[in-house]
């Protein structure tokens, strides 16, 4: 997720807004501190404006 966010030039705060998730929660995900459920994965994909499948393929 961090690589994709960086590739798109999205600061963590901007991506948090786009995905509707808290910035500190996103930081914990990026640092591998927590696992996420499918609903959060869907929100992350939506924040990137891609499908869940594309997110998992790393597009």
N, C-alpha and C. Protein backbone atom coordinates (compact mmCIF):
# COMPACT_ATOMS: atom_id res chain seq x y z
N UNK A 1 0.82 -1.17 0.00
CA UNK A 1 0.00 0.00 0.00
C UNK A 1 0.87 1.25 0.00
N UNK A 2 1.90 1.28 0.81
CA UNK A 2 2.76 2.46 0.86
C UNK A 2 3.42 2.72 -0.48
N UNK A 3 3.89 1.66 -1.14
CA UNK A 3 4.53 1.83 -2.45
C UNK A 3 3.56 2.45 -3.45
N UNK A 4 2.34 1.95 -3.48
CA UNK A 4 1.34 2.47 -4.40
C UNK A 4 1.00 3.92 -4.06
N UNK A 5 0.87 4.20 -2.78
CA UNK A 5 0.58 5.58 -2.35
C UNK A 5 1.71 6.52 -2.75
N UNK A 6 2.95 6.07 -2.53
CA UNK A 6 4.11 6.88 -2.90
C UNK A 6 4.20 7.08 -4.41
N UNK A 7 3.94 6.01 -5.18
CA UNK A 7 3.96 6.11 -6.65
C UNK A 7 2.98 7.16 -7.15
N UNK A 8 1.86 7.26 -6.46
CA UNK A 8 0.82 8.22 -6.87
C UNK A 8 1.01 9.59 -6.25
N UNK A 9 2.05 9.74 -5.45
CA UNK A 9 2.35 11.03 -4.85
C UNK A 9 1.33 11.47 -3.81
N UNK A 10 0.73 10.50 -3.14
CA UNK A 10 -0.29 10.81 -2.14
C UNK A 10 0.31 10.83 -0.74
N UNK A 11 0.28 11.97 -0.08
CA UNK A 11 0.68 11.98 1.33
C UNK A 11 -0.30 11.14 2.14
N UNK A 12 0.16 10.62 3.25
CA UNK A 12 -0.68 9.77 4.08
C UNK A 12 -1.99 10.46 4.46
N UNK A 13 -1.90 11.73 4.81
CA UNK A 13 -3.09 12.47 5.23
C UNK A 13 -4.11 12.57 4.09
N UNK A 14 -3.64 12.84 2.87
CA UNK A 14 -4.55 12.93 1.73
C UNK A 14 -5.18 11.58 1.43
N UNK A 15 -4.38 10.51 1.52
CA UNK A 15 -4.94 9.18 1.26
C UNK A 15 -5.93 8.79 2.35
N UNK A 16 -5.67 9.19 3.57
CA UNK A 16 -6.60 8.91 4.66
C UNK A 16 -7.96 9.53 4.35
N UNK A 17 -7.96 10.76 3.87
CA UNK A 17 -9.21 11.41 3.49
C UNK A 17 -9.89 10.68 2.36
N UNK A 18 -9.13 10.31 1.34
CA UNK A 18 -9.69 9.64 0.16
C UNK A 18 -10.30 8.28 0.50
N UNK A 19 -9.69 7.59 1.46
CA UNK A 19 -10.17 6.25 1.81
C UNK A 19 -11.16 6.26 2.98
N UNK A 20 -11.27 7.40 3.65
CA UNK A 20 -12.17 7.50 4.79
C UNK A 20 -11.64 6.79 6.03
N UNK A 21 -10.32 6.63 6.10
CA UNK A 21 -9.70 5.96 7.24
C UNK A 21 -8.82 6.95 8.00
N UNK A 22 -8.61 6.71 9.27
CA UNK A 22 -7.76 7.57 10.09
C UNK A 22 -6.30 7.43 9.67
N UNK A 23 -5.57 8.54 9.66
CA UNK A 23 -4.18 8.53 9.24
C UNK A 23 -3.31 7.61 10.10
N UNK A 24 -3.53 7.62 11.41
CA UNK A 24 -2.72 6.76 12.27
C UNK A 24 -3.03 5.29 12.05
N UNK A 25 -4.28 4.99 11.69
CA UNK A 25 -4.66 3.62 11.36
C UNK A 25 -3.95 3.17 10.08
N UNK A 26 -3.90 4.05 9.08
CA UNK A 26 -3.19 3.74 7.84
C UNK A 26 -1.70 3.53 8.10
N UNK A 27 -1.13 4.34 8.96
CA UNK A 27 0.29 4.19 9.30
C UNK A 27 0.55 2.82 9.92
N UNK A 28 -0.35 2.39 10.80
CA UNK A 28 -0.20 1.08 11.44
C UNK A 28 -0.31 -0.04 10.41
N UNK A 29 -1.19 0.11 9.43
CA UNK A 29 -1.31 -0.88 8.37
C UNK A 29 -0.02 -0.93 7.56
N UNK A 30 0.46 0.24 7.14
CA UNK A 30 1.67 0.32 6.34
C UNK A 30 2.89 -0.24 7.07
N UNK A 31 2.92 -0.11 8.37
CA UNK A 31 4.04 -0.61 9.17
C UNK A 31 3.88 -2.06 9.57
N UNK A 32 2.80 -2.69 9.12
CA UNK A 32 2.58 -4.10 9.42
C UNK A 32 2.23 -4.38 10.86
N UNK A 33 1.73 -3.37 11.55
CA UNK A 33 1.40 -3.51 12.97
C UNK A 33 0.04 -4.15 13.20
N UNK A 34 -0.84 -4.05 12.20
CA UNK A 34 -2.18 -4.61 12.34
C UNK A 34 -2.59 -5.29 11.05
N UNK A 35 -3.54 -6.19 11.18
CA UNK A 35 -4.16 -6.84 10.03
C UNK A 35 -5.50 -6.16 9.79
N UNK A 36 -5.98 -6.23 8.57
CA UNK A 36 -7.23 -5.57 8.23
C UNK A 36 -8.24 -6.58 7.69
N UNK A 37 -9.50 -6.22 7.81
CA UNK A 37 -10.58 -7.02 7.27
C UNK A 37 -10.91 -6.60 5.85
N UNK A 38 -11.81 -7.34 5.24
CA UNK A 38 -12.17 -7.08 3.84
C UNK A 38 -12.79 -5.70 3.65
N UNK A 39 -13.56 -5.23 4.60
CA UNK A 39 -14.18 -3.90 4.46
C UNK A 39 -13.11 -2.82 4.40
N UNK A 40 -12.06 -2.95 5.19
CA UNK A 40 -10.97 -1.99 5.15
C UNK A 40 -10.21 -2.10 3.84
N UNK A 41 -10.01 -3.31 3.36
CA UNK A 41 -9.35 -3.52 2.06
C UNK A 41 -10.17 -2.83 0.97
N UNK A 42 -11.47 -2.96 1.03
CA UNK A 42 -12.34 -2.30 0.04
C UNK A 42 -12.21 -0.79 0.12
N UNK A 43 -12.11 -0.24 1.31
CA UNK A 43 -11.95 1.21 1.47
C UNK A 43 -10.61 1.69 0.94
N UNK A 44 -9.57 0.88 1.16
CA UNK A 44 -8.24 1.23 0.65
C UNK A 44 -8.27 1.22 -0.88
N UNK A 45 -8.85 0.19 -1.48
CA UNK A 45 -8.95 0.12 -2.94
C UNK A 45 -9.74 1.32 -3.47
N UNK A 46 -10.83 1.65 -2.81
CA UNK A 46 -11.63 2.80 -3.24
C UNK A 46 -10.83 4.10 -3.14
N UNK A 47 -10.00 4.21 -2.11
CA UNK A 47 -9.16 5.40 -1.96
C UNK A 47 -8.19 5.58 -3.12
N UNK A 48 -7.75 4.46 -3.69
CA UNK A 48 -6.88 4.49 -4.87
C UNK A 48 -7.67 4.53 -6.17
N UNK A 49 -8.99 4.40 -6.07
CA UNK A 49 -9.88 4.34 -7.24
C UNK A 49 -9.53 3.14 -8.13
N UNK A 50 -9.32 2.00 -7.49
CA UNK A 50 -9.05 0.75 -8.19
C UNK A 50 -9.88 -0.36 -7.53
N UNK A 51 -9.93 -1.51 -8.19
CA UNK A 51 -10.67 -2.64 -7.62
C UNK A 51 -9.79 -3.34 -6.57
N UNK A 52 -10.44 -4.15 -5.76
CA UNK A 52 -9.69 -4.95 -4.78
C UNK A 52 -8.72 -5.87 -5.49
N UNK A 53 -9.16 -6.45 -6.60
CA UNK A 53 -8.29 -7.32 -7.40
C UNK A 53 -7.04 -6.56 -7.85
N UNK A 54 -7.20 -5.34 -8.34
CA UNK A 54 -6.05 -4.55 -8.77
C UNK A 54 -5.14 -4.23 -7.60
N UNK A 55 -5.73 -3.97 -6.45
CA UNK A 55 -4.93 -3.69 -5.25
C UNK A 55 -4.04 -4.88 -4.92
N UNK A 56 -4.61 -6.07 -4.95
CA UNK A 56 -3.84 -7.26 -4.62
C UNK A 56 -2.80 -7.61 -5.70
N UNK A 57 -3.07 -7.22 -6.93
CA UNK A 57 -2.09 -7.44 -8.00
C UNK A 57 -0.99 -6.39 -7.98
N UNK A 58 -1.21 -5.32 -7.21
CA UNK A 58 -0.19 -4.28 -7.09
C UNK A 58 -0.21 -3.27 -8.21
N UNK A 59 -1.40 -3.07 -8.78
CA UNK A 59 -1.53 -2.11 -9.89
C UNK A 59 -1.76 -0.72 -9.34
